[in-house]
PDB file of N, CA and C in Angstrom:
ATOM      1  N   UNK A   1     -27.853  22.293  40.496  1.00  0.00           N
ATOM      2  CA  UNK A   1     -28.324  23.583  40.032  1.00  0.00           C
ATOM      3  C   UNK A   1     -28.707  23.453  38.570  1.00  0.00           C
ATOM      4  N   UNK A   2     -29.978  23.824  38.210  1.00  0.00           N
ATOM      5  CA  UNK A   2     -30.396  23.778  36.876  1.00  0.00           C
ATOM      6  C   UNK A   2     -29.513  24.702  35.940  1.00  0.00           C
ATOM      7  N   UNK A   3     -29.510  24.339  34.642  1.00  0.00           N
ATOM      8  CA  UNK A   3     -28.764  25.084  33.704  1.00  0.00           C
ATOM      9  C   UNK A   3     -29.712  25.652  32.669  1.00  0.00           C
ATOM     10  N   UNK A   4     -29.340  26.750  32.036  1.00  0.00           N
ATOM     11  CA  UNK A   4     -30.126  27.349  30.968  1.00  0.00           C
ATOM     12  C   UNK A   4     -29.703  26.851  29.657  1.00  0.00           C
ATOM     13  N   UNK A   5     -28.674  26.085  29.572  1.00  0.00           N
ATOM     14  CA  UNK A   5     -28.168  25.528  28.358  1.00  0.00           C
ATOM     15  C   UNK A   5     -29.061  24.308  27.878  1.00  0.00           C
ATOM     16  N   UNK A   6     -29.055  24.119  26.615  1.00  0.00           N
ATOM     17  CA  UNK A   6     -29.708  22.985  26.023  1.00  0.00           C
ATOM     18  C   UNK A   6     -29.032  21.755  26.332  1.00  0.00           C
ATOM     19  N   UNK A   7     -29.841  20.682  26.425  1.00  0.00           N
ATOM     20  CA  UNK A   7     -29.303  19.335  26.732  1.00  0.00           C
ATOM     21  C   UNK A   7     -29.589  18.368  25.680  1.00  0.00           C
ATOM     22  N   UNK A   8     -28.843  17.281  25.645  1.00  0.00           N
ATOM     23  CA  UNK A   8     -29.164  16.175  24.777  1.00  0.00           C
ATOM     24  C   UNK A   8     -29.323  14.914  25.569  1.00  0.00           C
ATOM     25  N   UNK A   9     -30.045  13.965  25.006  1.00  0.00           N
ATOM     26  CA  UNK A   9     -30.316  12.749  25.754  1.00  0.00           C
ATOM     27  C   UNK A   9     -29.476  11.702  25.034  1.00  0.00           C
ATOM     28  N   UNK A  10     -28.765  10.949  25.826  1.00  0.00           N
ATOM     29  CA  UNK A  10     -27.912   9.843  25.386  1.00  0.00           C
ATOM     30  C   UNK A  10     -28.410   8.568  25.971  1.00  0.00           C
ATOM     31  N   UNK A  11     -28.761   7.577  25.159  1.00  0.00           N
ATOM     32  CA  UNK A  11     -29.211   6.286  25.717  1.00  0.00           C
ATOM     33  C   UNK A  11     -28.018   5.410  26.060  1.00  0.00           C
ATOM     34  N   UNK A  12     -27.971   4.880  27.232  1.00  0.00           N
ATOM     35  CA  UNK A  12     -26.849   4.055  27.678  1.00  0.00           C
ATOM     36  C   UNK A  12     -27.236   2.597  27.292  1.00  0.00           C
ATOM     37  N   UNK A  13     -27.031   2.293  25.988  1.00  0.00           N
ATOM     38  CA  UNK A  13     -27.261   0.932  25.529  1.00  0.00           C
ATOM     39  C   UNK A  13     -26.136   0.063  26.005  1.00  0.00           C
ATOM     40  N   UNK A  14     -26.285  -1.286  25.901  1.00  0.00           N
ATOM     41  CA  UNK A  14     -25.192  -2.142  26.421  1.00  0.00           C
ATOM     42  C   UNK A  14     -23.770  -1.799  25.940  1.00  0.00           C
ATOM     43  N   UNK A  15     -23.685  -1.542  24.589  1.00  0.00           N
ATOM     44  CA  UNK A  15     -22.372  -1.278  24.022  1.00  0.00           C
ATOM     45  C   UNK A  15     -21.790   0.014  24.634  1.00  0.00           C
ATOM     46  N   UNK A  16     -22.573   1.055  24.739  1.00  0.00           N
ATOM     47  CA  UNK A  16     -22.060   2.334  25.246  1.00  0.00           C
ATOM     48  C   UNK A  16     -21.763   2.116  26.775  1.00  0.00           C
ATOM     49  N   UNK A  17     -22.572   1.558  27.433  1.00  0.00           N
ATOM     50  CA  UNK A  17     -22.307   1.298  28.907  1.00  0.00           C
ATOM     51  C   UNK A  17     -21.055   0.467  29.121  1.00  0.00           C
ATOM     52  N   UNK A  18     -20.776  -0.538  28.286  1.00  0.00           N
ATOM     53  CA  UNK A  18     -19.548  -1.350  28.372  1.00  0.00           C
ATOM     54  C   UNK A  18     -18.383  -0.479  28.102  1.00  0.00           C
ATOM     55  N   UNK A  19     -18.370   0.369  27.085  1.00  0.00           N
ATOM     56  CA  UNK A  19     -17.237   1.124  26.718  1.00  0.00           C
ATOM     57  C   UNK A  19     -16.960   2.219  27.794  1.00  0.00           C
ATOM     58  N   UNK A  20     -18.041   2.871  28.301  1.00  0.00           N
ATOM     59  CA  UNK A  20     -17.876   3.847  29.397  1.00  0.00           C
ATOM     60  C   UNK A  20     -17.152   3.161  30.580  1.00  0.00           C
ATOM     61  N   UNK A  21     -17.653   2.022  30.981  1.00  0.00           N
ATOM     62  CA  UNK A  21     -17.097   1.258  32.102  1.00  0.00           C
ATOM     63  C   UNK A  21     -15.670   0.843  31.841  1.00  0.00           C
ATOM     64  N   UNK A  22     -15.345   0.541  30.653  1.00  0.00           N
ATOM     65  CA  UNK A  22     -13.984   0.171  30.316  1.00  0.00           C
ATOM     66  C   UNK A  22     -13.031   1.366  30.374  1.00  0.00           C
ATOM     67  N   UNK A  23     -13.556   2.515  30.010  1.00  0.00           N
ATOM     68  CA  UNK A  23     -12.766   3.797  30.086  1.00  0.00           C
ATOM     69  C   UNK A  23     -12.567   4.222  31.488  1.00  0.00           C
ATOM     70  N   UNK A  24     -13.635   4.250  32.266  1.00  0.00           N
ATOM     71  CA  UNK A  24     -13.568   4.662  33.607  1.00  0.00           C
ATOM     72  C   UNK A  24     -14.789   4.105  34.376  1.00  0.00           C
ATOM     73  N   UNK A  25     -14.605   3.032  35.183  1.00  0.00           N
ATOM     74  CA  UNK A  25     -15.741   2.364  35.826  1.00  0.00           C
ATOM     75  C   UNK A  25     -16.435   3.221  36.851  1.00  0.00           C
ATOM     76  N   UNK A  26     -15.790   4.234  37.429  1.00  0.00           N
ATOM     77  CA  UNK A  26     -16.377   5.043  38.505  1.00  0.00           C
ATOM     78  C   UNK A  26     -16.020   6.498  38.335  1.00  0.00           C
ATOM     79  N   UNK A  27     -16.435   7.107  37.211  1.00  0.00           N
ATOM     80  CA  UNK A  27     -16.152   8.542  37.096  1.00  0.00           C
ATOM     81  C   UNK A  27     -16.762   9.441  38.139  1.00  0.00           C
ATOM     82  N   UNK A  28     -16.089  10.486  38.476  1.00  0.00           N
ATOM     83  CA  UNK A  28     -16.703  11.432  39.485  1.00  0.00           C
ATOM     84  C   UNK A  28     -17.941  12.082  38.926  1.00  0.00           C
ATOM     85  N   UNK A  29     -18.052  12.232  37.556  1.00  0.00           N
ATOM     86  CA  UNK A  29     -19.222  12.779  36.953  1.00  0.00           C
ATOM     87  C   UNK A  29     -19.356  12.141  35.555  1.00  0.00           C
ATOM     88  N   UNK A  30     -20.412  11.258  35.475  1.00  0.00           N
ATOM     89  CA  UNK A  30     -20.591  10.529  34.138  1.00  0.00           C
ATOM     90  C   UNK A  30     -20.942  11.562  33.059  1.00  0.00           C
ATOM     91  N   UNK A  31     -21.703  12.550  33.401  1.00  0.00           N
ATOM     92  CA  UNK A  31     -22.061  13.601  32.474  1.00  0.00           C
ATOM     93  C   UNK A  31     -20.841  14.279  31.888  1.00  0.00           C
ATOM     94  N   UNK A  32     -19.933  14.612  32.837  1.00  0.00           N
ATOM     95  CA  UNK A  32     -18.727  15.342  32.415  1.00  0.00           C
ATOM     96  C   UNK A  32     -17.800  14.387  31.556  1.00  0.00           C
ATOM     97  N   UNK A  33     -17.776  13.111  31.901  1.00  0.00           N
ATOM     98  CA  UNK A  33     -16.978  12.154  31.100  1.00  0.00           C
ATOM     99  C   UNK A  33     -17.559  12.094  29.666  1.00  0.00           C
ATOM    100  N   UNK A  34     -18.881  11.931  29.557  1.00  0.00           N
ATOM    101  CA  UNK A  34     -19.530  11.895  28.191  1.00  0.00           C
ATOM    102  C   UNK A  34     -19.211  13.122  27.444  1.00  0.00           C
ATOM    103  N   UNK A  35     -19.319  14.300  28.053  1.00  0.00           N
ATOM    104  CA  UNK A  35     -19.114  15.591  27.396  1.00  0.00           C
ATOM    105  C   UNK A  35     -17.681  15.604  26.919  1.00  0.00           C
ATOM    106  N   UNK A  36     -16.677  15.190  27.752  1.00  0.00           N
ATOM    107  CA  UNK A  36     -15.318  15.251  27.324  1.00  0.00           C
ATOM    108  C   UNK A  36     -15.034  14.269  26.234  1.00  0.00           C
ATOM    109  N   UNK A  37     -15.548  13.079  26.338  1.00  0.00           N
ATOM    110  CA  UNK A  37     -15.366  12.122  25.221  1.00  0.00           C
ATOM    111  C   UNK A  37     -16.003  12.616  23.915  1.00  0.00           C
ATOM    112  N   UNK A  38     -17.186  13.228  24.019  1.00  0.00           N
ATOM    113  CA  UNK A  38     -17.865  13.720  22.831  1.00  0.00           C
ATOM    114  C   UNK A  38     -16.965  14.855  22.190  1.00  0.00           C
ATOM    115  N   UNK A  39     -16.442  15.676  22.985  1.00  0.00           N
ATOM    116  CA  UNK A  39     -15.592  16.789  22.421  1.00  0.00           C
ATOM    117  C   UNK A  39     -14.378  16.203  21.743  1.00  0.00           C
ATOM    118  N   UNK A  40     -13.788  15.148  22.346  1.00  0.00           N
ATOM    119  CA  UNK A  40     -12.610  14.546  21.813  1.00  0.00           C
ATOM    120  C   UNK A  40     -12.960  13.889  20.469  1.00  0.00           C
ATOM    121  N   UNK A  41     -14.072  13.255  20.421  1.00  0.00           N
ATOM    122  CA  UNK A  41     -14.505  12.519  19.229  1.00  0.00           C
ATOM    123  C   UNK A  41     -14.850  13.538  18.108  1.00  0.00           C
ATOM    124  N   UNK A  42     -15.478  14.638  18.451  1.00  0.00           N
ATOM    125  CA  UNK A  42     -15.852  15.611  17.482  1.00  0.00           C
ATOM    126  C   UNK A  42     -14.577  16.260  16.926  1.00  0.00           C
ATOM    127  N   UNK A  43     -13.576  16.552  17.746  1.00  0.00           N
ATOM    128  CA  UNK A  43     -12.314  17.114  17.261  1.00  0.00           C
ATOM    129  C   UNK A  43     -11.645  16.121  16.362  1.00  0.00           C
ATOM    130  N   UNK A  44     -11.601  14.840  16.708  1.00  0.00           N
ATOM    131  CA  UNK A  44     -10.975  13.775  15.863  1.00  0.00           C
ATOM    132  C   UNK A  44     -11.661  13.678  14.539  1.00  0.00           C
ATOM    133  N   UNK A  45     -12.986  13.796  14.478  1.00  0.00           N
ATOM    134  CA  UNK A  45     -13.787  13.763  13.248  1.00  0.00           C
ATOM    135  C   UNK A  45     -13.490  14.977  12.391  1.00  0.00           C
ATOM    136  N   UNK A  46     -13.332  16.131  13.049  1.00  0.00           N
ATOM    137  CA  UNK A  46     -13.077  17.452  12.296  1.00  0.00           C
ATOM    138  C   UNK A  46     -11.667  17.310  11.648  1.00  0.00           C
ATOM    139  N   UNK A  47     -10.679  16.861  12.439  1.00  0.00           N
ATOM    140  CA  UNK A  47      -9.347  16.709  11.877  1.00  0.00           C
ATOM    141  C   UNK A  47      -9.290  15.642  10.811  1.00  0.00           C
ATOM    142  N   UNK A  48     -10.028  14.536  10.896  1.00  0.00           N
ATOM    143  CA  UNK A  48     -10.074  13.526   9.819  1.00  0.00           C
ATOM    144  C   UNK A  48     -10.697  14.166   8.547  1.00  0.00           C
ATOM    145  N   UNK A  49     -11.763  14.954   8.717  1.00  0.00           N
ATOM    146  CA  UNK A  49     -12.311  15.592   7.555  1.00  0.00           C
ATOM    147  C   UNK A  49     -11.292  16.599   6.887  1.00  0.00           C
ATOM    148  N   UNK A  50     -10.573  17.339   7.707  1.00  0.00           N
ATOM    149  CA  UNK A  50      -9.568  18.216   7.205  1.00  0.00           C
ATOM    150  C   UNK A  50      -8.449  17.433   6.394  1.00  0.00           C
ATOM    151  N   UNK A  51      -8.049  16.315   6.968  1.00  0.00           N
ATOM    152  CA  UNK A  51      -7.045  15.502   6.274  1.00  0.00           C
ATOM    153  C   UNK A  51      -7.603  14.948   4.977  1.00  0.00           C
ATOM    154  N   UNK A  52      -8.800  14.557   4.918  1.00  0.00           N
ATOM    155  CA  UNK A  52      -9.442  13.987   3.704  1.00  0.00           C
ATOM    156  C   UNK A  52      -9.497  15.183   2.681  1.00  0.00           C
ATOM    157  N   UNK A  53      -9.939  16.355   3.091  1.00  0.00           N
ATOM    158  CA  UNK A  53     -10.060  17.464   2.143  1.00  0.00           C
ATOM    159  C   UNK A  53      -8.607  17.664   1.596  1.00  0.00           C
ATOM    160  N   UNK A  54      -7.611  17.871   2.460  1.00  0.00           N
ATOM    161  CA  UNK A  54      -6.255  18.119   1.990  1.00  0.00           C
ATOM    162  C   UNK A  54      -5.800  17.053   0.995  1.00  0.00           C
ATOM    163  N   UNK A  55      -6.088  15.766   1.262  1.00  0.00           N
ATOM    164  CA  UNK A  55      -5.669  14.699   0.405  1.00  0.00           C
ATOM    165  C   UNK A  55      -6.353  14.814  -0.922  1.00  0.00           C
ATOM    166  N   UNK A  56      -7.638  15.169  -0.882  1.00  0.00           N
ATOM    167  CA  UNK A  56      -8.333  15.305  -2.173  1.00  0.00           C
ATOM    168  C   UNK A  56      -7.816  16.444  -2.977  1.00  0.00           C
ATOM    169  N   UNK A  57      -7.524  17.600  -2.299  1.00  0.00           N
ATOM    170  CA  UNK A  57      -6.965  18.726  -2.983  1.00  0.00           C
ATOM    171  C   UNK A  57      -5.654  18.340  -3.636  1.00  0.00           C
ATOM    172  N   UNK A  58      -4.848  17.615  -2.865  1.00  0.00           N
ATOM    173  CA  UNK A  58      -3.449  17.223  -3.388  1.00  0.00           C
ATOM    174  C   UNK A  58      -3.624  16.305  -4.562  1.00  0.00           C
ATOM    175  N   UNK A  59      -4.555  15.374  -4.506  1.00  0.00           N
ATOM    176  CA  UNK A  59      -4.714  14.484  -5.677  1.00  0.00           C
ATOM    177  C   UNK A  59      -5.297  15.326  -6.841  1.00  0.00           C
ATOM    178  N   UNK A  60      -6.098  16.299  -6.636  1.00  0.00           N
ATOM    179  CA  UNK A  60      -6.573  17.139  -7.715  1.00  0.00           C
ATOM    180  C   UNK A  60      -5.424  17.864  -8.376  1.00  0.00           C
ATOM    181  N   UNK A  61      -4.528  18.382  -7.555  1.00  0.00           N
ATOM    182  CA  UNK A  61      -3.306  19.054  -8.114  1.00  0.00           C
ATOM    183  C   UNK A  61      -2.459  18.106  -8.897  1.00  0.00           C
ATOM    184  N   UNK A  62      -2.340  16.862  -8.457  1.00  0.00           N
ATOM    185  CA  UNK A  62      -1.583  15.887  -9.266  1.00  0.00           C
ATOM    186  C   UNK A  62      -2.258  15.647 -10.607  1.00  0.00           C
ATOM    187  N   UNK A  63      -3.563  15.429 -10.535  1.00  0.00           N
ATOM    188  CA  UNK A  63      -4.359  15.209 -11.789  1.00  0.00           C
ATOM    189  C   UNK A  63      -4.290  16.345 -12.723  1.00  0.00           C
ATOM    190  N   UNK A  64      -4.265  17.539 -12.232  1.00  0.00           N
ATOM    191  CA  UNK A  64      -4.285  18.705 -13.153  1.00  0.00           C
ATOM    192  C   UNK A  64      -2.845  19.098 -13.601  1.00  0.00           C
ATOM    193  N   UNK A  65      -1.882  18.415 -13.036  1.00  0.00           N
ATOM    194  CA  UNK A  65      -0.494  18.702 -13.415  1.00  0.00           C
ATOM    195  C   UNK A  65       0.108  19.862 -12.690  1.00  0.00           C
ATOM    196  N   UNK A  66      -0.614  20.377 -11.670  1.00  0.00           N
ATOM    197  CA  UNK A  66      -0.056  21.517 -10.934  1.00  0.00           C
ATOM    198  C   UNK A  66       1.100  21.038  -9.980  1.00  0.00           C
ATOM    199  N   UNK A  67       1.066  19.713  -9.666  1.00  0.00           N
ATOM    200  CA  UNK A  67       2.084  19.163  -8.828  1.00  0.00           C
ATOM    201  C   UNK A  67       2.831  18.066  -9.649  1.00  0.00           C
ATOM    202  N   UNK A  68       4.197  18.125  -9.713  1.00  0.00           N
ATOM    203  CA  UNK A  68       4.904  17.113 -10.413  1.00  0.00           C
ATOM    204  C   UNK A  68       5.001  15.913  -9.617  1.00  0.00           C
ATOM    205  N   UNK A  69       4.427  14.830 -10.051  1.00  0.00           N
ATOM    206  CA  UNK A  69       4.411  13.561  -9.249  1.00  0.00           C
ATOM    207  C   UNK A  69       4.972  12.426 -10.108  1.00  0.00           C
ATOM    208  N   UNK A  70       6.006  11.743  -9.599  1.00  0.00           N
ATOM    209  CA  UNK A  70       6.578  10.659 -10.304  1.00  0.00           C
ATOM    210  C   UNK A  70       6.000   9.335  -9.925  1.00  0.00           C
ATOM    211  N   UNK A  71       5.075   8.879 -10.794  1.00  0.00           N
ATOM    212  CA  UNK A  71       4.384   7.647 -10.426  1.00  0.00           C
ATOM    213  C   UNK A  71       5.293   6.416 -10.454  1.00  0.00           C
ATOM    214  N   UNK A  72       6.296   6.433 -11.319  1.00  0.00           N
ATOM    215  CA  UNK A  72       7.261   5.281 -11.320  1.00  0.00           C
ATOM    216  C   UNK A  72       8.031   5.207 -10.029  1.00  0.00           C
ATOM    217  N   UNK A  73       8.512   6.436  -9.568  1.00  0.00           N
ATOM    218  CA  UNK A  73       9.206   6.397  -8.284  1.00  0.00           C
ATOM    219  C   UNK A  73       8.294   5.974  -7.081  1.00  0.00           C
ATOM    220  N   UNK A  74       7.135   6.461  -7.152  1.00  0.00           N
ATOM    221  CA  UNK A  74       6.161   6.104  -6.084  1.00  0.00           C
ATOM    222  C   UNK A  74       5.895   4.572  -6.109  1.00  0.00           C
ATOM    223  N   UNK A  75       5.793   3.948  -7.241  1.00  0.00           N
ATOM    224  CA  UNK A  75       5.625   2.526  -7.390  1.00  0.00           C
ATOM    225  C   UNK A  75       6.801   1.800  -6.844  1.00  0.00           C
ATOM    226  N   UNK A  76       7.999   2.208  -7.216  1.00  0.00           N
ATOM    227  CA  UNK A  76       9.254   1.632  -6.688  1.00  0.00           C
ATOM    228  C   UNK A  76       9.316   1.700  -5.143  1.00  0.00           C
ATOM    229  N   UNK A  77       9.006   2.841  -4.606  1.00  0.00           N
ATOM    230  CA  UNK A  77       9.009   3.061  -3.256  1.00  0.00           C
ATOM    231  C   UNK A  77       8.030   2.092  -2.515  1.00  0.00           C
ATOM    232  N   UNK A  78       6.879   1.927  -3.076  1.00  0.00           N
ATOM    233  CA  UNK A  78       5.880   1.026  -2.525  1.00  0.00           C
ATOM    234  C   UNK A  78       6.378  -0.429  -2.577  1.00  0.00           C
ATOM    235  N   UNK A  79       6.992  -0.800  -3.702  1.00  0.00           N
ATOM    236  CA  UNK A  79       7.462  -2.250  -3.750  1.00  0.00           C
ATOM    237  C   UNK A  79       8.698  -2.453  -2.944  1.00  0.00           C
ATOM    238  N   UNK A  80       9.473  -1.375  -2.617  1.00  0.00           N
ATOM    239  CA  UNK A  80      10.658  -1.550  -1.773  1.00  0.00           C
ATOM    240  C   UNK A  80      10.254  -1.653  -0.247  1.00  0.00           C
ATOM    241  N   UNK A  81       9.053  -1.374   0.062  1.00  0.00           N
ATOM    242  CA  UNK A  81       8.567  -1.486   1.470  1.00  0.00           C
ATOM    243  C   UNK A  81       8.723  -2.856   2.073  1.00  0.00           C
ATOM    244  N   UNK A  82       8.563  -3.820   1.126  1.00  0.00           N
ATOM    245  CA  UNK A  82       8.709  -5.238   1.374  1.00  0.00           C
ATOM    246  C   UNK A  82       8.279  -5.779   2.493  1.00  0.00           C
TER     247      UNK A  82
END
């Protein structure tokens, strides 16, 4: 059944074809699999961006003195990881 929704074209190059086959060699719907994987990838990218923004904000607070950060203690903790 045709859809009224916009579509995108995805080229199944050798790398993409190989990864799809490794994930699921015989999906019941390749289109559904690609959609689901795209959604998971987009969510992961959004979450990574949020973590990066939070880290940048935190570093800005340290740099401005809004957060009390003990650099000597952080260095000791890093060295103790051994």
